[in-house]
Structure formats: structure tokens, C-alpha cells
Amino acid sequence: SGGGLVQAGGSLRLSCTASGRTFRRY
């Protein structure tokens, strides 16, 4: 999540959330 359209010089923060076998140390 967190994508989109931004002008050059700007900032974005992407997030990636895991579910399922989250006990594994990936």
C-alpha cells in the first residue's frame, strides 16, 4: 500500500504487510 502519483522531488512511503506464516523470520 502507499503508492500513487507524486511530483519529482516529492516523497512516498510504501508499506507491505504480511499475514499467514508470519512466525517465520523472513
mmCIF file of all heavy atoms, coordinates in Angstrom:
data_MODEL
# 
_entry.id   MODEL 
# 
loop_
_atom_site.group_PDB 
_atom_site.id 
_atom_site.type_symbol 
_atom_site.label_atom_id 
_atom_site.label_alt_id 
_atom_site.label_comp_id 
_atom_site.label_asym_id 
_atom_site.label_entity_id 
_atom_site.label_seq_id 
_atom_site.pdbx_PDB_ins_code 
_atom_site.Cartn_x 
_atom_site.Cartn_y 
_atom_site.Cartn_z 
_atom_site.occupancy 
_atom_site.B_iso_or_equiv 
_atom_site.pdbx_formal_charge 
_atom_site.auth_seq_id 
_atom_site.auth_comp_id 
_atom_site.auth_asym_id 
_atom_site.auth_atom_id 
_atom_site.pdbx_PDB_model_num 
ATOM 1   N N   . SER A 1 1  ? 0.848  -1.178  0.000   1.00 0.00 ? 1  SER A N   1 
ATOM 2   C CA  . SER A 1 1  ? 0.000  0.000   0.000   1.00 0.00 ? 1  SER A CA  1 
ATOM 3   C C   . SER A 1 1  ? 0.886  1.231   0.000   1.00 0.00 ? 1  SER A C   1 
ATOM 4   O O   . SER A 1 1  ? 2.079  1.153   0.281   1.00 0.00 ? 1  SER A O   1 
ATOM 5   C CB  . SER A 1 1  ? -0.943 0.019   1.204   1.00 0.00 ? 1  SER A CB  1 
ATOM 6   O OG  . SER A 1 1  ? -0.218 0.070   2.421   1.00 0.00 ? 1  SER A OG  1 
ATOM 7   N N   . GLY A 1 2  ? 0.296  2.377   -0.318  1.00 0.00 ? 2  GLY A N   1 
ATOM 8   C CA  . GLY A 1 2  ? 1.000  3.640   -0.218  1.00 0.00 ? 2  GLY A CA  1 
ATOM 9   C C   . GLY A 1 2  ? 1.496  4.223   -1.521  1.00 0.00 ? 2  GLY A C   1 
ATOM 10  O O   . GLY A 1 2  ? 2.113  5.293   -1.513  1.00 0.00 ? 2  GLY A O   1 
ATOM 11  N N   . GLY A 1 3  ? 1.252  3.559   -2.626  1.00 0.00 ? 3  GLY A N   1 
ATOM 12  C CA  . GLY A 1 3  ? 1.680  4.091   -3.905  1.00 0.00 ? 3  GLY A CA  1 
ATOM 13  C C   . GLY A 1 3  ? 0.798  5.231   -4.369  1.00 0.00 ? 3  GLY A C   1 
ATOM 14  O O   . GLY A 1 3  ? -0.159 5.634   -3.706  1.00 0.00 ? 3  GLY A O   1 
ATOM 15  N N   . GLY A 1 4  ? 1.141  5.763   -5.530  1.00 0.00 ? 4  GLY A N   1 
ATOM 16  C CA  . GLY A 1 4  ? 0.361  6.843   -6.096  1.00 0.00 ? 4  GLY A CA  1 
ATOM 17  C C   . GLY A 1 4  ? 1.175  7.704   -7.027  1.00 0.00 ? 4  GLY A C   1 
ATOM 18  O O   . GLY A 1 4  ? 2.228  7.302   -7.516  1.00 0.00 ? 4  GLY A O   1 
ATOM 19  N N   . LEU A 1 5  ? 0.669  8.892   -7.261  1.00 0.00 ? 5  LEU A N   1 
ATOM 20  C CA  . LEU A 1 5  ? 1.280  9.865   -8.157  1.00 0.00 ? 5  LEU A CA  1 
ATOM 21  C C   . LEU A 1 5  ? 1.903  10.987  -7.343  1.00 0.00 ? 5  LEU A C   1 
ATOM 22  O O   . LEU A 1 5  ? 1.262  11.540  -6.437  1.00 0.00 ? 5  LEU A O   1 
ATOM 23  C CB  . LEU A 1 5  ? 0.231  10.430  -9.112  1.00 0.00 ? 5  LEU A CB  1 
ATOM 24  C CG  . LEU A 1 5  ? 0.658  11.563  -10.041 1.00 0.00 ? 5  LEU A CG  1 
ATOM 25  C CD1 . LEU A 1 5  ? 1.705  11.076  -11.025 1.00 0.00 ? 5  LEU A CD1 1 
ATOM 26  C CD2 . LEU A 1 5  ? -0.563 12.114  -10.764 1.00 0.00 ? 5  LEU A CD2 1 
ATOM 27  N N   . VAL A 1 6  ? 3.135  11.316  -7.668  1.00 0.00 ? 6  VAL A N   1 
ATOM 28  C CA  . VAL A 1 6  ? 3.843  12.374  -6.955  1.00 0.00 ? 6  VAL A CA  1 
ATOM 29  C C   . VAL A 1 6  ? 4.724  13.131  -7.939  1.00 0.00 ? 6  VAL A C   1 
ATOM 30  O O   . VAL A 1 6  ? 5.175  12.572  -8.939  1.00 0.00 ? 6  VAL A O   1 
ATOM 31  C CB  . VAL A 1 6  ? 4.674  11.786  -5.793  1.00 0.00 ? 6  VAL A CB  1 
ATOM 32  C CG1 . VAL A 1 6  ? 5.798  10.902  -6.323  1.00 0.00 ? 6  VAL A CG1 1 
ATOM 33  C CG2 . VAL A 1 6  ? 5.214  12.879  -4.889  1.00 0.00 ? 6  VAL A CG2 1 
ATOM 34  N N   . GLN A 1 7  ? 4.954  14.388  -7.667  1.00 0.00 ? 7  GLN A N   1 
ATOM 35  C CA  . GLN A 1 7  ? 5.844  15.189  -8.500  1.00 0.00 ? 7  GLN A CA  1 
ATOM 36  C C   . GLN A 1 7  ? 7.301  14.897  -8.164  1.00 0.00 ? 7  GLN A C   1 
ATOM 37  O O   . GLN A 1 7  ? 7.634  14.487  -7.052  1.00 0.00 ? 7  GLN A O   1 
ATOM 38  C CB  . GLN A 1 7  ? 5.555  16.676  -8.315  1.00 0.00 ? 7  GLN A CB  1 
ATOM 39  C CG  . GLN A 1 7  ? 4.210  17.122  -8.844  1.00 0.00 ? 7  GLN A CG  1 
ATOM 40  C CD  . GLN A 1 7  ? 4.015  18.620  -8.739  1.00 0.00 ? 7  GLN A CD  1 
ATOM 41  O OE1 . GLN A 1 7  ? 4.759  19.314  -8.054  1.00 0.00 ? 7  GLN A OE1 1 
ATOM 42  N NE2 . GLN A 1 7  ? 3.013  19.129  -9.432  1.00 0.00 ? 7  GLN A NE2 1 
ATOM 43  N N   . ALA A 1 8  ? 8.158  15.107  -9.141  1.00 0.00 ? 8  ALA A N   1 
ATOM 44  C CA  . ALA A 1 8  ? 9.589  14.935  -8.918  1.00 0.00 ? 8  ALA A CA  1 
ATOM 45  C C   . ALA A 1 8  ? 10.042 15.756  -7.718  1.00 0.00 ? 8  ALA A C   1 
ATOM 46  O O   . ALA A 1 8  ? 9.642  16.909  -7.549  1.00 0.00 ? 8  ALA A O   1 
ATOM 47  C CB  . ALA A 1 8  ? 10.373 15.327  -10.163 1.00 0.00 ? 8  ALA A CB  1 
ATOM 48  N N   . GLY A 1 9  ? 10.878 15.139  -6.901  1.00 0.00 ? 9  GLY A N   1 
ATOM 49  C CA  . GLY A 1 9  ? 11.334 15.773  -5.676  1.00 0.00 ? 9  GLY A CA  1 
ATOM 50  C C   . GLY A 1 9  ? 10.490 15.463  -4.466  1.00 0.00 ? 9  GLY A C   1 
ATOM 51  O O   . GLY A 1 9  ? 10.909 15.760  -3.339  1.00 0.00 ? 9  GLY A O   1 
ATOM 52  N N   . GLY A 1 10 ? 9.342  14.876  -4.680  1.00 0.00 ? 10 GLY A N   1 
ATOM 53  C CA  . GLY A 1 10 ? 8.452  14.544  -3.590  1.00 0.00 ? 10 GLY A CA  1 
ATOM 54  C C   . GLY A 1 10 ? 8.784  13.223  -2.935  1.00 0.00 ? 10 GLY A C   1 
ATOM 55  O O   . GLY A 1 10 ? 9.794  12.579  -3.249  1.00 0.00 ? 10 GLY A O   1 
ATOM 56  N N   . SER A 1 11 ? 7.921  12.811  -2.027  1.00 0.00 ? 11 SER A N   1 
ATOM 57  C CA  . SER A 1 11 ? 8.150  11.614  -1.230  1.00 0.00 ? 11 SER A CA  1 
ATOM 58  C C   . SER A 1 11 ? 6.907  10.748  -1.174  1.00 0.00 ? 11 SER A C   1 
ATOM 59  O O   . SER A 1 11 ? 5.776  11.233  -1.261  1.00 0.00 ? 11 SER A O   1 
ATOM 60  C CB  . SER A 1 11 ? 8.547  11.986  0.202   1.00 0.00 ? 11 SER A CB  1 
ATOM 61  O OG  . SER A 1 11 ? 9.737  12.747  0.233   1.00 0.00 ? 11 SER A OG  1 
ATOM 62  N N   . LEU A 1 12 ? 7.128  9.463   -1.024  1.00 0.00 ? 12 LEU A N   1 
ATOM 63  C CA  . LEU A 1 12 ? 6.083  8.490   -0.763  1.00 0.00 ? 12 LEU A CA  1 
ATOM 64  C C   . LEU A 1 12 ? 6.622  7.454   0.201   1.00 0.00 ? 12 LEU A C   1 
ATOM 65  O O   . LEU A 1 12 ? 7.829  7.203   0.245   1.00 0.00 ? 12 LEU A O   1 
ATOM 66  C CB  . LEU A 1 12 ? 5.626  7.785   -2.044  1.00 0.00 ? 12 LEU A CB  1 
ATOM 67  C CG  . LEU A 1 12 ? 4.760  8.546   -3.038  1.00 0.00 ? 12 LEU A CG  1 
ATOM 68  C CD1 . LEU A 1 12 ? 4.581  7.706   -4.303  1.00 0.00 ? 12 LEU A CD1 1 
ATOM 69  C CD2 . LEU A 1 12 ? 3.411  8.884   -2.431  1.00 0.00 ? 12 LEU A CD2 1 
ATOM 70  N N   . ARG A 1 13 ? 5.736  6.843   0.948   1.00 0.00 ? 13 ARG A N   1 
ATOM 71  C CA  . ARG A 1 13 ? 6.098  5.722   1.795   1.00 0.00 ? 13 ARG A CA  1 
ATOM 72  C C   . ARG A 1 13 ? 5.251  4.515   1.426   1.00 0.00 ? 13 ARG A C   1 
ATOM 73  O O   . ARG A 1 13 ? 4.020  4.561   1.529   1.00 0.00 ? 13 ARG A O   1 
ATOM 74  C CB  . ARG A 1 13 ? 5.912  6.041   3.278   1.00 0.00 ? 13 ARG A CB  1 
ATOM 75  C CG  . ARG A 1 13 ? 6.414  4.913   4.184   1.00 0.00 ? 13 ARG A CG  1 
ATOM 76  C CD  . ARG A 1 13 ? 6.263  5.238   5.656   1.00 0.00 ? 13 ARG A CD  1 
ATOM 77  N NE  . ARG A 1 13 ? 4.867  5.279   6.068   1.00 0.00 ? 13 ARG A NE  1 
ATOM 78  C CZ  . ARG A 1 13 ? 4.461  5.489   7.312   1.00 0.00 ? 13 ARG A CZ  1 
ATOM 79  N NH1 . ARG A 1 13 ? 5.357  5.692   8.283   1.00 0.00 ? 13 ARG A NH1 1 
ATOM 80  N NH2 . ARG A 1 13 ? 3.165  5.519   7.588   1.00 0.00 ? 13 ARG A NH2 1 
ATOM 81  N N   . LEU A 1 14 ? 5.913  3.465   1.004   1.00 0.00 ? 14 LEU A N   1 
ATOM 82  C CA  . LEU A 1 14 ? 5.243  2.215   0.717   1.00 0.00 ? 14 LEU A CA  1 
ATOM 83  C C   . LEU A 1 14 ? 5.254  1.322   1.947   1.00 0.00 ? 14 LEU A C   1 
ATOM 84  O O   . LEU A 1 14 ? 6.221  1.310   2.710   1.00 0.00 ? 14 LEU A O   1 
ATOM 85  C CB  . LEU A 1 14 ? 5.930  1.482   -0.436  1.00 0.00 ? 14 LEU A CB  1 
ATOM 86  C CG  . LEU A 1 14 ? 6.079  2.240   -1.760  1.00 0.00 ? 14 LEU A CG  1 
ATOM 87  C CD1 . LEU A 1 14 ? 6.712  1.332   -2.803  1.00 0.00 ? 14 LEU A CD1 1 
ATOM 88  C CD2 . LEU A 1 14 ? 4.740  2.773   -2.236  1.00 0.00 ? 14 LEU A CD2 1 
ATOM 89  N N   . SER A 1 15 ? 4.194  0.572   2.109   1.00 0.00 ? 15 SER A N   1 
ATOM 90  C CA  . SER A 1 15 ? 4.102  -0.398  3.181   1.00 0.00 ? 15 SER A CA  1 
ATOM 91  C C   . SER A 1 15 ? 3.786  -1.764  2.599   1.00 0.00 ? 15 SER A C   1 
ATOM 92  O O   . SER A 1 15 ? 3.094  -1.870  1.589   1.00 0.00 ? 15 SER A O   1 
ATOM 93  C CB  . SER A 1 15 ? 3.002  -0.024  4.182   1.00 0.00 ? 15 SER A CB  1 
ATOM 94  O OG  . SER A 1 15 ? 3.260  1.223   4.786   1.00 0.00 ? 15 SER A OG  1 
ATOM 95  N N   . CYS A 1 16 ? 4.288  -2.781  3.223   1.00 0.00 ? 16 CYS A N   1 
ATOM 96  C CA  . CYS A 1 16 ? 3.991  -4.151  2.846   1.00 0.00 ? 16 CYS A CA  1 
ATOM 97  C C   . CYS A 1 16 ? 3.684  -4.920  4.119   1.00 0.00 ? 16 CYS A C   1 
ATOM 98  O O   . CYS A 1 16 ? 4.564  -5.082  4.971   1.00 0.00 ? 16 CYS A O   1 
ATOM 99  C CB  . CYS A 1 16 ? 5.168  -4.775  2.098   1.00 0.00 ? 16 CYS A CB  1 
ATOM 100 S SG  . CYS A 1 16 ? 4.958  -6.524  1.698   1.00 0.00 ? 16 CYS A SG  1 
ATOM 101 N N   . THR A 1 17 ? 2.460  -5.373  4.239   1.00 0.00 ? 17 THR A N   1 
ATOM 102 C CA  . THR A 1 17 ? 2.012  -6.071  5.433   1.00 0.00 ? 17 THR A CA  1 
ATOM 103 C C   . THR A 1 17 ? 1.851  -7.551  5.144   1.00 0.00 ? 17 THR A C   1 
ATOM 104 O O   . THR A 1 17 ? 1.236  -7.932  4.149   1.00 0.00 ? 17 THR A O   1 
ATOM 105 C CB  . THR A 1 17 ? 0.694  -5.484  5.946   1.00 0.00 ? 17 THR A CB  1 
ATOM 106 O OG1 . THR A 1 17 ? 0.887  -4.105  6.270   1.00 0.00 ? 17 THR A OG1 1 
ATOM 107 C CG2 . THR A 1 17 ? 0.233  -6.215  7.198   1.00 0.00 ? 17 THR A CG2 1 
ATOM 108 N N   . ALA A 1 18 ? 2.393  -8.368  6.013   1.00 0.00 ? 18 ALA A N   1 
ATOM 109 C CA  . ALA A 1 18 ? 2.385  -9.807  5.840   1.00 0.00 ? 18 ALA A CA  1 
ATOM 110 C C   . ALA A 1 18 ? 1.348  -10.465 6.738   1.00 0.00 ? 18 ALA A C   1 
ATOM 111 O O   . ALA A 1 18 ? 1.070  -10.003 7.853   1.00 0.00 ? 18 ALA A O   1 
ATOM 112 C CB  . ALA A 1 18 ? 3.760  -10.389 6.144   1.00 0.00 ? 18 ALA A CB  1 
ATOM 113 N N   . SER A 1 19 ? 0.789  -11.543 6.240   1.00 0.00 ? 19 SER A N   1 
ATOM 114 C CA  . SER A 1 19 ? -0.095 -12.391 7.028   1.00 0.00 ? 19 SER A CA  1 
ATOM 115 C C   . SER A 1 19 ? 0.189  -13.841 6.673   1.00 0.00 ? 19 SER A C   1 
ATOM 116 O O   . SER A 1 19 ? 0.888  -14.135 5.714   1.00 0.00 ? 19 SER A O   1 
ATOM 117 C CB  . SER A 1 19 ? -1.567 -12.048 6.787   1.00 0.00 ? 19 SER A CB  1 
ATOM 118 O OG  . SER A 1 19 ? -1.917 -12.256 5.426   1.00 0.00 ? 19 SER A OG  1 
ATOM 119 N N   . GLY A 1 20 ? -0.357 -14.750 7.445   1.00 0.00 ? 20 GLY A N   1 
ATOM 120 C CA  . GLY A 1 20 ? -0.094 -16.156 7.228   1.00 0.00 ? 20 GLY A CA  1 
ATOM 121 C C   . GLY A 1 20 ? 1.028  -16.636 8.125   1.00 0.00 ? 20 GLY A C   1 
ATOM 122 O O   . GLY A 1 20 ? 0.953  -16.489 9.337   1.00 0.00 ? 20 GLY A O   1 
ATOM 123 N N   . ARG A 1 21 ? 2.070  -17.155 7.520   1.00 0.00 ? 21 ARG A N   1 
ATOM 124 C CA  . ARG A 1 21 ? 3.185  -17.720 8.272   1.00 0.00 ? 21 ARG A CA  1 
ATOM 125 C C   . ARG A 1 21 ? 4.157  -16.636 8.719   1.00 0.00 ? 21 ARG A C   1 
ATOM 126 O O   . ARG A 1 21 ? 5.348  -16.666 8.400   1.00 0.00 ? 21 ARG A O   1 
ATOM 127 C CB  . ARG A 1 21 ? 3.900  -18.780 7.447   1.00 0.00 ? 21 ARG A CB  1 
ATOM 128 C CG  . ARG A 1 21 ? 3.013  -19.972 7.100   1.00 0.00 ? 21 ARG A CG  1 
ATOM 129 C CD  . ARG A 1 21 ? 3.759  -21.001 6.283   1.00 0.00 ? 21 ARG A CD  1 
ATOM 130 N NE  . ARG A 1 21 ? 4.821  -21.645 7.043   1.00 0.00 ? 21 ARG A NE  1 
ATOM 131 C CZ  . ARG A 1 21 ? 5.665  -22.541 6.543   1.00 0.00 ? 21 ARG A CZ  1 
ATOM 132 N NH1 . ARG A 1 21 ? 5.561  -22.907 5.276   1.00 0.00 ? 21 ARG A NH1 1 
ATOM 133 N NH2 . ARG A 1 21 ? 6.596  -23.065 7.312   1.00 0.00 ? 21 ARG A NH2 1 
ATOM 134 N N   . THR A 1 22 ? 3.632  -15.687 9.469   1.00 0.00 ? 22 THR A N   1 
ATOM 135 C CA  . THR A 1 22 ? 4.448  -14.563 9.904   1.00 0.00 ? 22 THR A CA  1 
ATOM 136 C C   . THR A 1 22 ? 5.416  -14.927 11.019  1.00 0.00 ? 22 THR A C   1 
ATOM 137 O O   . THR A 1 22 ? 6.267  -14.118 11.383  1.00 0.00 ? 22 THR A O   1 
ATOM 138 C CB  . THR A 1 22 ? 3.561  -13.399 10.355  1.00 0.00 ? 22 THR A CB  1 
ATOM 139 O OG1 . THR A 1 22 ? 2.667  -13.848 11.370  1.00 0.00 ? 22 THR A OG1 1 
ATOM 140 C CG2 . THR A 1 22 ? 2.751  -12.862 9.178   1.00 0.00 ? 22 THR A CG2 1 
ATOM 141 N N   . PHE A 1 23 ? 5.287  -16.121 11.552  1.00 0.00 ? 23 PHE A N   1 
ATOM 142 C CA  . PHE A 1 23 ? 6.229  -16.556 12.570  1.00 0.00 ? 23 PHE A CA  1 
ATOM 143 C C   . PHE A 1 23 ? 7.596  -16.853 11.986  1.00 0.00 ? 23 PHE A C   1 
ATOM 144 O O   . PHE A 1 23 ? 8.592  -16.873 12.709  1.00 0.00 ? 23 PHE A O   1 
ATOM 145 C CB  . PHE A 1 23 ? 5.707  -17.797 13.309  1.00 0.00 ? 23 PHE A CB  1 
ATOM 146 C CG  . PHE A 1 23 ? 5.415  -18.963 12.414  1.00 0.00 ? 23 PHE A CG  1 
ATOM 147 C CD1 . PHE A 1 23 ? 6.411  -19.868 12.085  1.00 0.00 ? 23 PHE A CD1 1 
ATOM 148 C CD2 . PHE A 1 23 ? 4.144  -19.159 11.896  1.00 0.00 ? 23 PHE A CD2 1 
ATOM 149 C CE1 . PHE A 1 23 ? 6.155  -20.951 11.264  1.00 0.00 ? 23 PHE A CE1 1 
ATOM 150 C CE2 . PHE A 1 23 ? 3.868  -20.232 11.070  1.00 0.00 ? 23 PHE A CE2 1 
ATOM 151 C CZ  . PHE A 1 23 ? 4.872  -21.129 10.756  1.00 0.00 ? 23 PHE A CZ  1 
ATOM 152 N N   . ARG A 1 24 ? 7.661  -17.061 10.683  1.00 0.00 ? 24 ARG A N   1 
ATOM 153 C CA  . ARG A 1 24 ? 8.954  -17.259 10.034  1.00 0.00 ? 24 ARG A CA  1 
ATOM 154 C C   . ARG A 1 24 ? 9.713  -15.944 9.975   1.00 0.00 ? 24 ARG A C   1 
ATOM 155 O O   . ARG A 1 24 ? 9.127  -14.887 9.728   1.00 0.00 ? 24 ARG A O   1 
ATOM 156 C CB  . ARG A 1 24 ? 8.787  -17.827 8.631   1.00 0.00 ? 24 ARG A CB  1 
ATOM 157 C CG  . ARG A 1 24 ? 8.384  -19.274 8.588   1.00 0.00 ? 24 ARG A CG  1 
ATOM 158 C CD  . ARG A 1 24 ? 8.580  -19.857 7.206   1.00 0.00 ? 24 ARG A CD  1 
ATOM 159 N NE  . ARG A 1 24 ? 9.976  -19.786 6.791   1.00 0.00 ? 24 ARG A NE  1 
ATOM 160 C CZ  . ARG A 1 24 ? 10.427 -20.205 5.620   1.00 0.00 ? 24 ARG A CZ  1 
ATOM 161 N NH1 . ARG A 1 24 ? 9.582  -20.731 4.737   1.00 0.00 ? 24 ARG A NH1 1 
ATOM 162 N NH2 . ARG A 1 24 ? 11.713 -20.101 5.319   1.00 0.00 ? 24 ARG A NH2 1 
ATOM 163 N N   . ARG A 1 25 ? 10.989 -16.026 10.160  1.00 0.00 ? 25 ARG A N   1 
ATOM 164 C CA  . ARG A 1 25 ? 11.831 -14.838 10.189  1.00 0.00 ? 25 ARG A CA  1 
ATOM 165 C C   . ARG A 1 25 ? 12.358 -14.536 8.786   1.00 0.00 ? 25 ARG A C   1 
ATOM 166 O O   . ARG A 1 25 ? 13.522 -14.750 8.474   1.00 0.00 ? 25 ARG A O   1 
ATOM 167 C CB  . ARG A 1 25 ? 12.951 -15.006 11.197  1.00 0.00 ? 25 ARG A CB  1 
ATOM 168 C CG  . ARG A 1 25 ? 12.436 -15.130 12.631  1.00 0.00 ? 25 ARG A CG  1 
ATOM 169 C CD  . ARG A 1 25 ? 13.546 -15.170 13.652  1.00 0.00 ? 25 ARG A CD  1 
ATOM 170 N NE  . ARG A 1 25 ? 13.011 -15.159 15.012  1.00 0.00 ? 25 ARG A NE  1 
ATOM 171 C CZ  . ARG A 1 25 ? 13.748 -15.076 16.108  1.00 0.00 ? 25 ARG A CZ  1 
ATOM 172 N NH1 . ARG A 1 25 ? 15.070 -15.000 16.010  1.00 0.00 ? 25 ARG A NH1 1 
ATOM 173 N NH2 . ARG A 1 25 ? 13.170 -15.080 17.301  1.00 0.00 ? 25 ARG A NH2 1 
ATOM 174 N N   . TYR A 1 26 ? 11.453 -14.019 7.956   1.00 0.00 ? 26 TYR A N   1 
ATOM 175 C CA  . TYR A 1 26 ? 11.798 -13.678 6.583   1.00 0.00 ? 26 TYR A CA  1 
ATOM 176 C C   . TYR A 1 26 ? 12.606 -12.400 6.514   1.00 0.00 ? 26 TYR A C   1 
ATOM 177 O O   . TYR A 1 26 ? 12.317 -11.419 7.189   1.00 0.00 ? 26 TYR A O   1 
ATOM 178 C CB  . TYR A 1 26 ? 10.539 -13.478 5.754   1.00 0.00 ? 26 TYR A CB  1 
ATOM 179 C CG  . TYR A 1 26 ? 9.720  -14.703 5.479   1.00 0.00 ? 26 TYR A CG  1 
ATOM 180 C CD1 . TYR A 1 26 ? 8.513  -14.913 6.125   1.00 0.00 ? 26 TYR A CD1 1 
ATOM 181 C CD2 . TYR A 1 26 ? 10.135 -15.634 4.532   1.00 0.00 ? 26 TYR A CD2 1 
ATOM 182 C CE1 . TYR A 1 26 ? 7.739  -16.029 5.855   1.00 0.00 ? 26 TYR A CE1 1 
ATOM 183 C CE2 . TYR A 1 26 ? 9.369  -16.752 4.256   1.00 0.00 ? 26 TYR A CE2 1 
ATOM 184 C CZ  . TYR A 1 26 ? 8.172  -16.943 4.917   1.00 0.00 ? 26 TYR A CZ  1 
ATOM 185 O OH  . TYR A 1 26 ? 7.407  -18.045 4.637   1.00 0.00 ? 26 TYR A OH  1 
# 
